[in-house]
Amino acid sequence: DKFEKPYSEITDKVEDFRAKRITS
């Protein structure tokens, strides 16, 4: 939001969400 970058939430319903959150 601060740097006006596109954001798509990685919810806990996404497969392998923990790893994907960290990578992103």
mmCIF file of all heavy atoms, coordinates in Angstrom:
data_MODEL
# 
_entry.id   MODEL 
# 
loop_
_atom_site.group_PDB 
_atom_site.id 
_atom_site.type_symbol 
_atom_site.label_atom_id 
_atom_site.label_alt_id 
_atom_site.label_comp_id 
_atom_site.label_asym_id 
_atom_site.label_entity_id 
_atom_site.label_seq_id 
_atom_site.pdbx_PDB_ins_code 
_atom_site.Cartn_x 
_atom_site.Cartn_y 
_atom_site.Cartn_z 
_atom_site.occupancy 
_atom_site.B_iso_or_equiv 
_atom_site.pdbx_formal_charge 
_atom_site.auth_seq_id 
_atom_site.auth_comp_id 
_atom_site.auth_asym_id 
_atom_site.auth_atom_id 
_atom_site.pdbx_PDB_model_num 
ATOM 1   N N   . ASP A 1 1  ? 0.836   -1.209  0.000  1.00 0.00 ? 1  ASP A N   1 
ATOM 2   C CA  . ASP A 1 1  ? 0.000   0.000   0.000  1.00 0.00 ? 1  ASP A CA  1 
ATOM 3   C C   . ASP A 1 1  ? 0.871   1.260   0.000  1.00 0.00 ? 1  ASP A C   1 
ATOM 4   O O   . ASP A 1 1  ? 0.621   2.207   -0.758 1.00 0.00 ? 1  ASP A O   1 
ATOM 5   C CB  . ASP A 1 1  ? -0.926  0.012   1.214  1.00 0.00 ? 1  ASP A CB  1 
ATOM 6   C CG  . ASP A 1 1  ? -2.014  -1.055  1.135  1.00 0.00 ? 1  ASP A CG  1 
ATOM 7   O OD1 . ASP A 1 1  ? -2.206  -1.621  0.041  1.00 0.00 ? 1  ASP A OD1 1 
ATOM 8   O OD2 . ASP A 1 1  ? -2.654  -1.332  2.177  1.00 0.00 ? 1  ASP A OD2 1 
ATOM 9   N N   . LYS A 1 2  ? 1.895   1.252   0.824  1.00 0.00 ? 2  LYS A N   1 
ATOM 10  C CA  . LYS A 1 2  ? 2.747   2.432   0.982  1.00 0.00 ? 2  LYS A CA  1 
ATOM 11  C C   . LYS A 1 2  ? 3.487   2.770   -0.307 1.00 0.00 ? 2  LYS A C   1 
ATOM 12  O O   . LYS A 1 2  ? 3.601   3.938   -0.690 1.00 0.00 ? 2  LYS A O   1 
ATOM 13  C CB  . LYS A 1 2  ? 3.747   2.204   2.116  1.00 0.00 ? 2  LYS A CB  1 
ATOM 14  C CG  . LYS A 1 2  ? 4.685   3.384   2.365  1.00 0.00 ? 2  LYS A CG  1 
ATOM 15  C CD  . LYS A 1 2  ? 5.600   3.126   3.562  1.00 0.00 ? 2  LYS A CD  1 
ATOM 16  C CE  . LYS A 1 2  ? 6.525   4.307   3.793  1.00 0.00 ? 2  LYS A CE  1 
ATOM 17  N NZ  . LYS A 1 2  ? 7.411   4.097   4.963  1.00 0.00 ? 2  LYS A NZ  1 
ATOM 18  N N   . PHE A 1 3  ? 3.997   1.742   -0.981 1.00 0.00 ? 3  PHE A N   1 
ATOM 19  C CA  . PHE A 1 3  ? 4.804   1.977   -2.184 1.00 0.00 ? 3  PHE A CA  1 
ATOM 20  C C   . PHE A 1 3  ? 4.025   1.710   -3.474 1.00 0.00 ? 3  PHE A C   1 
ATOM 21  O O   . PHE A 1 3  ? 4.604   1.603   -4.552 1.00 0.00 ? 3  PHE A O   1 
ATOM 22  C CB  . PHE A 1 3  ? 6.068   1.115   -2.140 1.00 0.00 ? 3  PHE A CB  1 
ATOM 23  C CG  . PHE A 1 3  ? 7.040   1.550   -1.065 1.00 0.00 ? 3  PHE A CG  1 
ATOM 24  C CD1 . PHE A 1 3  ? 7.089   0.886   0.155  1.00 0.00 ? 3  PHE A CD1 1 
ATOM 25  C CD2 . PHE A 1 3  ? 7.872   2.634   -1.273 1.00 0.00 ? 3  PHE A CD2 1 
ATOM 26  C CE1 . PHE A 1 3  ? 7.977   1.288   1.145  1.00 0.00 ? 3  PHE A CE1 1 
ATOM 27  C CE2 . PHE A 1 3  ? 8.763   3.047   -0.294 1.00 0.00 ? 3  PHE A CE2 1 
ATOM 28  C CZ  . PHE A 1 3  ? 8.813   2.375   0.927  1.00 0.00 ? 3  PHE A CZ  1 
ATOM 29  N N   . GLU A 1 4  ? 2.692   1.607   -3.333 1.00 0.00 ? 4  GLU A N   1 
ATOM 30  C CA  . GLU A 1 4  ? 1.783   1.458   -4.473 1.00 0.00 ? 4  GLU A CA  1 
ATOM 31  C C   . GLU A 1 4  ? 2.147   0.256   -5.344 1.00 0.00 ? 4  GLU A C   1 
ATOM 32  O O   . GLU A 1 4  ? 2.264   0.354   -6.571 1.00 0.00 ? 4  GLU A O   1 
ATOM 33  C CB  . GLU A 1 4  ? 1.752   2.758   -5.292 1.00 0.00 ? 4  GLU A CB  1 
ATOM 34  C CG  . GLU A 1 4  ? 1.242   3.948   -4.482 1.00 0.00 ? 4  GLU A CG  1 
ATOM 35  C CD  . GLU A 1 4  ? 1.196   5.233   -5.292 1.00 0.00 ? 4  GLU A CD  1 
ATOM 36  O OE1 . GLU A 1 4  ? 1.900   5.306   -6.316 1.00 0.00 ? 4  GLU A OE1 1 
ATOM 37  O OE2 . GLU A 1 4  ? 0.451   6.150   -4.907 1.00 0.00 ? 4  GLU A OE2 1 
ATOM 38  N N   . LYS A 1 5  ? 2.349   -0.869  -4.663 1.00 0.00 ? 5  LYS A N   1 
ATOM 39  C CA  . LYS A 1 5  ? 2.613   -2.138  -5.339 1.00 0.00 ? 5  LYS A CA  1 
ATOM 40  C C   . LYS A 1 5  ? 1.336   -2.974  -5.338 1.00 0.00 ? 5  LYS A C   1 
ATOM 41  O O   . LYS A 1 5  ? 0.546   -2.901  -4.394 1.00 0.00 ? 5  LYS A O   1 
ATOM 42  C CB  . LYS A 1 5  ? 3.718   -2.913  -4.612 1.00 0.00 ? 5  LYS A CB  1 
ATOM 43  C CG  . LYS A 1 5  ? 5.052   -2.185  -4.534 1.00 0.00 ? 5  LYS A CG  1 
ATOM 44  C CD  . LYS A 1 5  ? 5.766   -2.220  -5.858 1.00 0.00 ? 5  LYS A CD  1 
ATOM 45  C CE  . LYS A 1 5  ? 7.122   -1.545  -5.774 1.00 0.00 ? 5  LYS A CE  1 
ATOM 46  N NZ  . LYS A 1 5  ? 7.786   -1.502  -7.103 1.00 0.00 ? 5  LYS A NZ  1 
ATOM 47  N N   . PRO A 1 6  ? 1.117   -3.777  -6.369 1.00 0.00 ? 6  PRO A N   1 
ATOM 48  C CA  . PRO A 1 6  ? -0.075  -4.632  -6.372 1.00 0.00 ? 6  PRO A CA  1 
ATOM 49  C C   . PRO A 1 6  ? -0.008  -5.649  -5.234 1.00 0.00 ? 6  PRO A C   1 
ATOM 50  O O   . PRO A 1 6  ? 1.057   -6.191  -4.930 1.00 0.00 ? 6  PRO A O   1 
ATOM 51  C CB  . PRO A 1 6  ? -0.024  -5.319  -7.735 1.00 0.00 ? 6  PRO A CB  1 
ATOM 52  C CG  . PRO A 1 6  ? 1.397   -5.221  -8.181 1.00 0.00 ? 6  PRO A CG  1 
ATOM 53  C CD  . PRO A 1 6  ? 1.928   -3.947  -7.592 1.00 0.00 ? 6  PRO A CD  1 
ATOM 54  N N   . TYR A 1 7  ? -1.139  -5.875  -4.590 1.00 0.00 ? 7  TYR A N   1 
ATOM 55  C CA  . TYR A 1 7  ? -1.185  -6.809  -3.457 1.00 0.00 ? 7  TYR A CA  1 
ATOM 56  C C   . TYR A 1 7  ? -2.359  -7.766  -3.621 1.00 0.00 ? 7  TYR A C   1 
ATOM 57  O O   . TYR A 1 7  ? -3.494  -7.350  -3.867 1.00 0.00 ? 7  TYR A O   1 
ATOM 58  C CB  . TYR A 1 7  ? -1.331  -6.057  -2.137 1.00 0.00 ? 7  TYR A CB  1 
ATOM 59  C CG  . TYR A 1 7  ? -1.613  -6.956  -0.944 1.00 0.00 ? 7  TYR A CG  1 
ATOM 60  C CD1 . TYR A 1 7  ? -0.593  -7.693  -0.357 1.00 0.00 ? 7  TYR A CD1 1 
ATOM 61  C CD2 . TYR A 1 7  ? -2.913  -7.077  -0.426 1.00 0.00 ? 7  TYR A CD2 1 
ATOM 62  C CE1 . TYR A 1 7  ? -0.843  -8.526  0.723  1.00 0.00 ? 7  TYR A CE1 1 
ATOM 63  C CE2 . TYR A 1 7  ? -3.177  -7.904  0.646  1.00 0.00 ? 7  TYR A CE2 1 
ATOM 64  C CZ  . TYR A 1 7  ? -2.137  -8.640  1.222  1.00 0.00 ? 7  TYR A CZ  1 
ATOM 65  O OH  . TYR A 1 7  ? -2.392  -9.475  2.289  1.00 0.00 ? 7  TYR A OH  1 
ATOM 66  N N   . SER A 1 8  ? -2.057  -9.037  -3.487 1.00 0.00 ? 8  SER A N   1 
ATOM 67  C CA  . SER A 1 8  ? -3.100  -10.060 -3.486 1.00 0.00 ? 8  SER A CA  1 
ATOM 68  C C   . SER A 1 8  ? -2.898  -10.894 -2.221 1.00 0.00 ? 8  SER A C   1 
ATOM 69  O O   . SER A 1 8  ? -1.830  -11.496 -2.039 1.00 0.00 ? 8  SER A O   1 
ATOM 70  C CB  . SER A 1 8  ? -2.988  -10.941 -4.733 1.00 0.00 ? 8  SER A CB  1 
ATOM 71  O OG  . SER A 1 8  ? -3.967  -11.969 -4.691 1.00 0.00 ? 8  SER A OG  1 
ATOM 72  N N   . GLU A 1 9  ? -3.879  -10.894 -1.369 1.00 0.00 ? 9  GLU A N   1 
ATOM 73  C CA  . GLU A 1 9  ? -3.736  -11.570 -0.074 1.00 0.00 ? 9  GLU A CA  1 
ATOM 74  C C   . GLU A 1 9  ? -3.503  -13.071 -0.246 1.00 0.00 ? 9  GLU A C   1 
ATOM 75  O O   . GLU A 1 9  ? -4.148  -13.726 -1.063 1.00 0.00 ? 9  GLU A O   1 
ATOM 76  C CB  . GLU A 1 9  ? -4.984  -11.349 0.773  1.00 0.00 ? 9  GLU A CB  1 
ATOM 77  C CG  . GLU A 1 9  ? -4.867  -11.978 2.174  1.00 0.00 ? 9  GLU A CG  1 
ATOM 78  C CD  . GLU A 1 9  ? -6.116  -11.802 3.010  1.00 0.00 ? 9  GLU A CD  1 
ATOM 79  O OE1 . GLU A 1 9  ? -7.121  -11.267 2.478  1.00 0.00 ? 9  GLU A OE1 1 
ATOM 80  O OE2 . GLU A 1 9  ? -6.090  -12.197 4.187  1.00 0.00 ? 9  GLU A OE2 1 
ATOM 81  N N   . ILE A 1 10 ? -2.574  -13.588 0.548  1.00 0.00 ? 10 ILE A N   1 
ATOM 82  C CA  . ILE A 1 10 ? -2.343  -15.032 0.613  1.00 0.00 ? 10 ILE A CA  1 
ATOM 83  C C   . ILE A 1 10 ? -3.013  -15.515 1.892  1.00 0.00 ? 10 ILE A C   1 
ATOM 84  O O   . ILE A 1 10 ? -2.455  -15.382 2.984  1.00 0.00 ? 10 ILE A O   1 
ATOM 85  C CB  . ILE A 1 10 ? -0.839  -15.368 0.605  1.00 0.00 ? 10 ILE A CB  1 
ATOM 86  C CG1 . ILE A 1 10 ? -0.175  -14.797 -0.647 1.00 0.00 ? 10 ILE A CG1 1 
ATOM 87  C CG2 . ILE A 1 10 ? -0.623  -16.886 0.680  1.00 0.00 ? 10 ILE A CG2 1 
ATOM 88  C CD1 . ILE A 1 10 ? 1.342   -14.902 -0.658 1.00 0.00 ? 10 ILE A CD1 1 
ATOM 89  N N   . THR A 1 11 ? -4.208  -16.030 1.775  1.00 0.00 ? 11 THR A N   1 
ATOM 90  C CA  . THR A 1 11 ? -4.968  -16.447 2.952  1.00 0.00 ? 11 THR A CA  1 
ATOM 91  C C   . THR A 1 11 ? -4.523  -17.836 3.404  1.00 0.00 ? 11 THR A C   1 
ATOM 92  O O   . THR A 1 11 ? -3.811  -18.547 2.683  1.00 0.00 ? 11 THR A O   1 
ATOM 93  C CB  . THR A 1 11 ? -6.482  -16.483 2.656  1.00 0.00 ? 11 THR A CB  1 
ATOM 94  O OG1 . THR A 1 11 ? -6.738  -17.607 1.795  1.00 0.00 ? 11 THR A OG1 1 
ATOM 95  C CG2 . THR A 1 11 ? -6.947  -15.199 1.980  1.00 0.00 ? 11 THR A CG2 1 
ATOM 96  N N   . ASP A 1 12 ? -4.986  -18.222 4.577  1.00 0.00 ? 12 ASP A N   1 
ATOM 97  C CA  . ASP A 1 12 ? -4.639  -19.556 5.079  1.00 0.00 ? 12 ASP A CA  1 
ATOM 98  C C   . ASP A 1 12 ? -5.426  -20.653 4.370  1.00 0.00 ? 12 ASP A C   1 
ATOM 99  O O   . ASP A 1 12 ? -5.301  -21.829 4.709  1.00 0.00 ? 12 ASP A O   1 
ATOM 100 C CB  . ASP A 1 12 ? -4.815  -19.643 6.596  1.00 0.00 ? 12 ASP A CB  1 
ATOM 101 C CG  . ASP A 1 12 ? -6.227  -19.315 7.047  1.00 0.00 ? 12 ASP A CG  1 
ATOM 102 O OD1 . ASP A 1 12 ? -7.127  -19.198 6.193  1.00 0.00 ? 12 ASP A OD1 1 
ATOM 103 O OD2 . ASP A 1 12 ? -6.439  -19.179 8.268  1.00 0.00 ? 12 ASP A OD2 1 
ATOM 104 N N   . LYS A 1 13 ? -6.225  -20.269 3.381  1.00 0.00 ? 13 LYS A N   1 
ATOM 105 C CA  . LYS A 1 13 ? -6.928  -21.262 2.552  1.00 0.00 ? 13 LYS A CA  1 
ATOM 106 C C   . LYS A 1 13 ? -6.094  -21.665 1.328  1.00 0.00 ? 13 LYS A C   1 
ATOM 107 O O   . LYS A 1 13 ? -6.389  -22.644 0.654  1.00 0.00 ? 13 LYS A O   1 
ATOM 108 C CB  . LYS A 1 13 ? -8.268  -20.690 2.064  1.00 0.00 ? 13 LYS A CB  1 
ATOM 109 C CG  . LYS A 1 13 ? -9.195  -20.217 3.167  1.00 0.00 ? 13 LYS A CG  1 
ATOM 110 C CD  . LYS A 1 13 ? -9.657  -21.375 4.039  1.00 0.00 ? 13 LYS A CD  1 
ATOM 111 C CE  . LYS A 1 13 ? -10.741 -20.893 5.008  1.00 0.00 ? 13 LYS A CE  1 
ATOM 112 N NZ  . LYS A 1 13 ? -10.311 -20.925 6.382  1.00 0.00 ? 13 LYS A NZ  1 
ATOM 113 N N   . VAL A 1 14 ? -5.041  -20.886 1.054  1.00 0.00 ? 14 VAL A N   1 
ATOM 114 C CA  . VAL A 1 14 ? -4.169  -21.164 -0.086 1.00 0.00 ? 14 VAL A CA  1 
ATOM 115 C C   . VAL A 1 14 ? -3.234  -22.319 0.262  1.00 0.00 ? 14 VAL A C   1 
ATOM 116 O O   . VAL A 1 14 ? -2.684  -22.368 1.371  1.00 0.00 ? 14 VAL A O   1 
ATOM 117 C CB  . VAL A 1 14 ? -3.353  -19.906 -0.447 1.00 0.00 ? 14 VAL A CB  1 
ATOM 118 C CG1 . VAL A 1 14 ? -2.319  -20.211 -1.528 1.00 0.00 ? 14 VAL A CG1 1 
ATOM 119 C CG2 . VAL A 1 14 ? -4.272  -18.774 -0.888 1.00 0.00 ? 14 VAL A CG2 1 
ATOM 120 N N   . GLU A 1 15 ? -3.046  -23.221 -0.669 1.00 0.00 ? 15 GLU A N   1 
ATOM 121 C CA  . GLU A 1 15 ? -2.135  -24.335 -0.423 1.00 0.00 ? 15 GLU A CA  1 
ATOM 122 C C   . GLU A 1 15 ? -0.717  -23.811 -0.177 1.00 0.00 ? 15 GLU A C   1 
ATOM 123 O O   . GLU A 1 15 ? -0.234  -22.937 -0.887 1.00 0.00 ? 15 GLU A O   1 
ATOM 124 C CB  . GLU A 1 15 ? -2.129  -25.295 -1.622 1.00 0.00 ? 15 GLU A CB  1 
ATOM 125 C CG  . GLU A 1 15 ? -1.265  -26.534 -1.391 1.00 0.00 ? 15 GLU A CG  1 
ATOM 126 C CD  . GLU A 1 15 ? -1.240  -27.453 -2.605 1.00 0.00 ? 15 GLU A CD  1 
ATOM 127 O OE1 . GLU A 1 15 ? -1.863  -27.115 -3.628 1.00 0.00 ? 15 GLU A OE1 1 
ATOM 128 O OE2 . GLU A 1 15 ? -0.594  -28.508 -2.515 1.00 0.00 ? 15 GLU A OE2 1 
ATOM 129 N N   . ASP A 1 16 ? -0.066  -24.340 0.861  1.00 0.00 ? 16 ASP A N   1 
ATOM 130 C CA  . ASP A 1 16 ? 1.306   -23.952 1.215  1.00 0.00 ? 16 ASP A CA  1 
ATOM 131 C C   . ASP A 1 16 ? 1.406   -22.446 1.504  1.00 0.00 ? 16 ASP A C   1 
ATOM 132 O O   . ASP A 1 16 ? 2.387   -21.786 1.169  1.00 0.00 ? 16 ASP A O   1 
ATOM 133 C CB  . ASP A 1 16 ? 2.274   -24.348 0.095  1.00 0.00 ? 16 ASP A CB  1 
ATOM 134 C CG  . ASP A 1 16 ? 3.713   -24.483 0.578  1.00 0.00 ? 16 ASP A CG  1 
ATOM 135 O OD1 . ASP A 1 16 ? 3.918   -24.659 1.797  1.00 0.00 ? 16 ASP A OD1 1 
ATOM 136 O OD2 . ASP A 1 16 ? 4.630   -24.418 -0.251 1.00 0.00 ? 16 ASP A OD2 1 
ATOM 137 N N   . PHE A 1 17 ? 0.375   -21.905 2.153  1.00 0.00 ? 17 PHE A N   1 
ATOM 138 C CA  . PHE A 1 17 ? 0.299   -20.455 2.366  1.00 0.00 ? 17 PHE A CA  1 
ATOM 139 C C   . PHE A 1 17 ? 1.469   -19.905 3.170  1.00 0.00 ? 17 PHE A C   1 
ATOM 140 O O   . PHE A 1 17 ? 1.948   -18.803 2.894  1.00 0.00 ? 17 PHE A O   1 
ATOM 141 C CB  . PHE A 1 17 ? -1.029  -20.082 3.046  1.00 0.00 ? 17 PHE A CB  1 
ATOM 142 C CG  . PHE A 1 17 ? -1.183  -20.600 4.450  1.00 0.00 ? 17 PHE A CG  1 
ATOM 143 C CD1 . PHE A 1 17 ? -0.727  -19.876 5.540  1.00 0.00 ? 17 PHE A CD1 1 
ATOM 144 C CD2 . PHE A 1 17 ? -1.801  -21.831 4.685  1.00 0.00 ? 17 PHE A CD2 1 
ATOM 145 C CE1 . PHE A 1 17 ? -0.884  -20.363 6.838  1.00 0.00 ? 17 PHE A CE1 1 
ATOM 146 C CE2 . PHE A 1 17 ? -1.948  -22.313 5.979  1.00 0.00 ? 17 PHE A CE2 1 
ATOM 147 C CZ  . PHE A 1 17 ? -1.491  -21.583 7.060  1.00 0.00 ? 17 PHE A CZ  1 
ATOM 148 N N   . ARG A 1 18 ? 1.947   -20.660 4.157  1.00 0.00 ? 18 ARG A N   1 
ATOM 149 C CA  . ARG A 1 18 ? 3.041   -20.141 5.003  1.00 0.00 ? 18 ARG A CA  1 
ATOM 150 C C   . ARG A 1 18 ? 4.292   -19.871 4.168  1.00 0.00 ? 18 ARG A C   1 
ATOM 151 O O   . ARG A 1 18 ? 4.873   -18.785 4.236  1.00 0.00 ? 18 ARG A O   1 
ATOM 152 C CB  . ARG A 1 18 ? 3.344   -21.122 6.131  1.00 0.00 ? 18 ARG A CB  1 
ATOM 153 C CG  . ARG A 1 18 ? 4.520   -20.709 7.020  1.00 0.00 ? 18 ARG A CG  1 
ATOM 154 C CD  . ARG A 1 18 ? 4.615   -21.609 8.260  1.00 0.00 ? 18 ARG A CD  1 
ATOM 155 N NE  . ARG A 1 18 ? 5.880   -21.451 8.951  1.00 0.00 ? 18 ARG A NE  1 
ATOM 156 C CZ  . ARG A 1 18 ? 6.170   -20.472 9.798  1.00 0.00 ? 18 ARG A CZ  1 
ATOM 157 N NH1 . ARG A 1 18 ? 5.276   -19.529 10.049 1.00 0.00 ? 18 ARG A NH1 1 
ATOM 158 N NH2 . ARG A 1 18 ? 7.331   -20.410 10.413 1.00 0.00 ? 18 ARG A NH2 1 
ATOM 159 N N   . ALA A 1 19 ? 4.697   -20.844 3.373  1.00 0.00 ? 19 ALA A N   1 
ATOM 160 C CA  . ALA A 1 19 ? 5.881   -20.669 2.530  1.00 0.00 ? 19 ALA A CA  1 
ATOM 161 C C   . ALA A 1 19 ? 5.668   -19.546 1.516  1.00 0.00 ? 19 ALA A C   1 
ATOM 162 O O   . ALA A 1 19 ? 6.573   -18.728 1.274  1.00 0.00 ? 19 ALA A O   1 
ATOM 163 C CB  . ALA A 1 19 ? 6.211   -21.976 1.817  1.00 0.00 ? 19 ALA A CB  1 
ATOM 164 N N   . LYS A 1 20 ? 4.478   -19.493 0.917  1.00 0.00 ? 20 LYS A N   1 
ATOM 165 C CA  . LYS A 1 20 ? 4.214   -18.482 -0.111 1.00 0.00 ? 20 LYS A CA  1 
ATOM 166 C C   . LYS A 1 20 ? 4.194   -17.075 0.473  1.00 0.00 ? 20 LYS A C   1 
ATOM 167 O O   . LYS A 1 20 ? 4.649   -16.120 -0.169 1.00 0.00 ? 20 LYS A O   1 
ATOM 168 C CB  . LYS A 1 20 ? 2.900   -18.794 -0.823 1.00 0.00 ? 20 LYS A CB  1 
ATOM 169 C CG  . LYS A 1 20 ? 3.011   -20.015 -1.743 1.00 0.00 ? 20 LYS A CG  1 
ATOM 170 C CD  . LYS A 1 20 ? 1.685   -20.393 -2.364 1.00 0.00 ? 20 LYS A CD  1 
ATOM 171 C CE  . LYS A 1 20 ? 1.848   -21.613 -3.287 1.00 0.00 ? 20 LYS A CE  1 
ATOM 172 N NZ  . LYS A 1 20 ? 0.560   -22.093 -3.809 1.00 0.00 ? 20 LYS A NZ  1 
ATOM 173 N N   . ARG A 1 21 ? 3.679   -16.931 1.694  1.00 0.00 ? 21 ARG A N   1 
ATOM 174 C CA  . ARG A 1 21 ? 3.702   -15.618 2.353  1.00 0.00 ? 21 ARG A CA  1 
ATOM 175 C C   . ARG A 1 21 ? 5.143   -15.150 2.559  1.00 0.00 ? 21 ARG A C   1 
ATOM 176 O O   . ARG A 1 21 ? 5.492   -13.989 2.310  1.00 0.00 ? 21 ARG A O   1 
ATOM 177 C CB  . ARG A 1 21 ? 2.992   -15.698 3.713  1.00 0.00 ? 21 ARG A CB  1 
ATOM 178 C CG  . ARG A 1 21 ? 1.485   -15.757 3.640  1.00 0.00 ? 21 ARG A CG  1 
ATOM 179 C CD  . ARG A 1 21 ? 0.902   -16.015 5.025  1.00 0.00 ? 21 ARG A CD  1 
ATOM 180 N NE  . ARG A 1 21 ? -0.560  -15.905 5.027  1.00 0.00 ? 21 ARG A NE  1 
ATOM 181 C CZ  . ARG A 1 21 ? -1.328  -16.165 6.093  1.00 0.00 ? 21 ARG A CZ  1 
ATOM 182 N NH1 . ARG A 1 21 ? -0.775  -16.566 7.232  1.00 0.00 ? 21 ARG A NH1 1 
ATOM 183 N NH2 . ARG A 1 21 ? -2.642  -16.026 6.003  1.00 0.00 ? 21 ARG A NH2 1 
ATOM 184 N N   . ILE A 1 22 ? 5.980   -16.079 3.023  1.00 0.00 ? 22 ILE A N   1 
ATOM 185 C CA  . ILE A 1 22 ? 7.376   -15.735 3.309  1.00 0.00 ? 22 ILE A CA  1 
ATOM 186 C C   . ILE A 1 22 ? 8.125   -15.391 2.028  1.00 0.00 ? 22 ILE A C   1 
ATOM 187 O O   . ILE A 1 22 ? 8.851   -14.389 1.965  1.00 0.00 ? 22 ILE A O   1 
ATOM 188 C CB  . ILE A 1 22 ? 8.052   -16.894 4.081  1.00 0.00 ? 22 ILE A CB  1 
ATOM 189 C CG1 . ILE A 1 22 ? 7.507   -16.927 5.523  1.00 0.00 ? 22 ILE A CG1 1 
ATOM 190 C CG2 . ILE A 1 22 ? 9.571   -16.760 4.077  1.00 0.00 ? 22 ILE A CG2 1 
ATOM 191 C CD1 . ILE A 1 22 ? 7.870   -18.171 6.304  1.00 0.00 ? 22 ILE A CD1 1 
ATOM 192 N N   . THR A 1 23 ? 7.954   -16.181 0.990  1.00 0.00 ? 23 THR A N   1 
ATOM 193 C CA  . THR A 1 23 ? 8.599   -15.895 -0.299 1.00 0.00 ? 23 THR A CA  1 
ATOM 194 C C   . THR A 1 23 ? 8.185   -14.517 -0.814 1.00 0.00 ? 23 THR A C   1 
ATOM 195 O O   . THR A 1 23 ? 9.042   -13.706 -1.222 1.00 0.00 ? 23 THR A O   1 
ATOM 196 C CB  . THR A 1 23 ? 8.218   -16.959 -1.344 1.00 0.00 ? 23 THR A CB  1 
ATOM 197 O OG1 . THR A 1 23 ? 8.645   -18.244 -0.894 1.00 0.00 ? 23 THR A OG1 1 
ATOM 198 C CG2 . THR A 1 23 ? 8.879   -16.661 -2.690 1.00 0.00 ? 23 THR A CG2 1 
ATOM 199 N N   . SER A 1 24 ? 6.897   -14.240 -0.786 1.00 0.00 ? 24 SER A N   1 
ATOM 200 C CA  . SER A 1 24 ? 6.394   -12.966 -1.312 1.00 0.00 ? 24 SER A CA  1 
ATOM 201 C C   . SER A 1 24 ? 6.915   -11.787 -0.515 1.00 0.00 ? 24 SER A C   1 
ATOM 202 O O   . SER A 1 24 ? 7.276   -10.743 -1.082 1.00 0.00 ? 24 SER A O   1 
ATOM 203 C CB  . SER A 1 24 ? 4.860   -12.967 -1.304 1.00 0.00 ? 24 SER A CB  1 
ATOM 204 O OG  . SER A 1 24 ? 4.356   -13.977 -2.146 1.00 0.00 ? 24 SER A OG  1 
# 
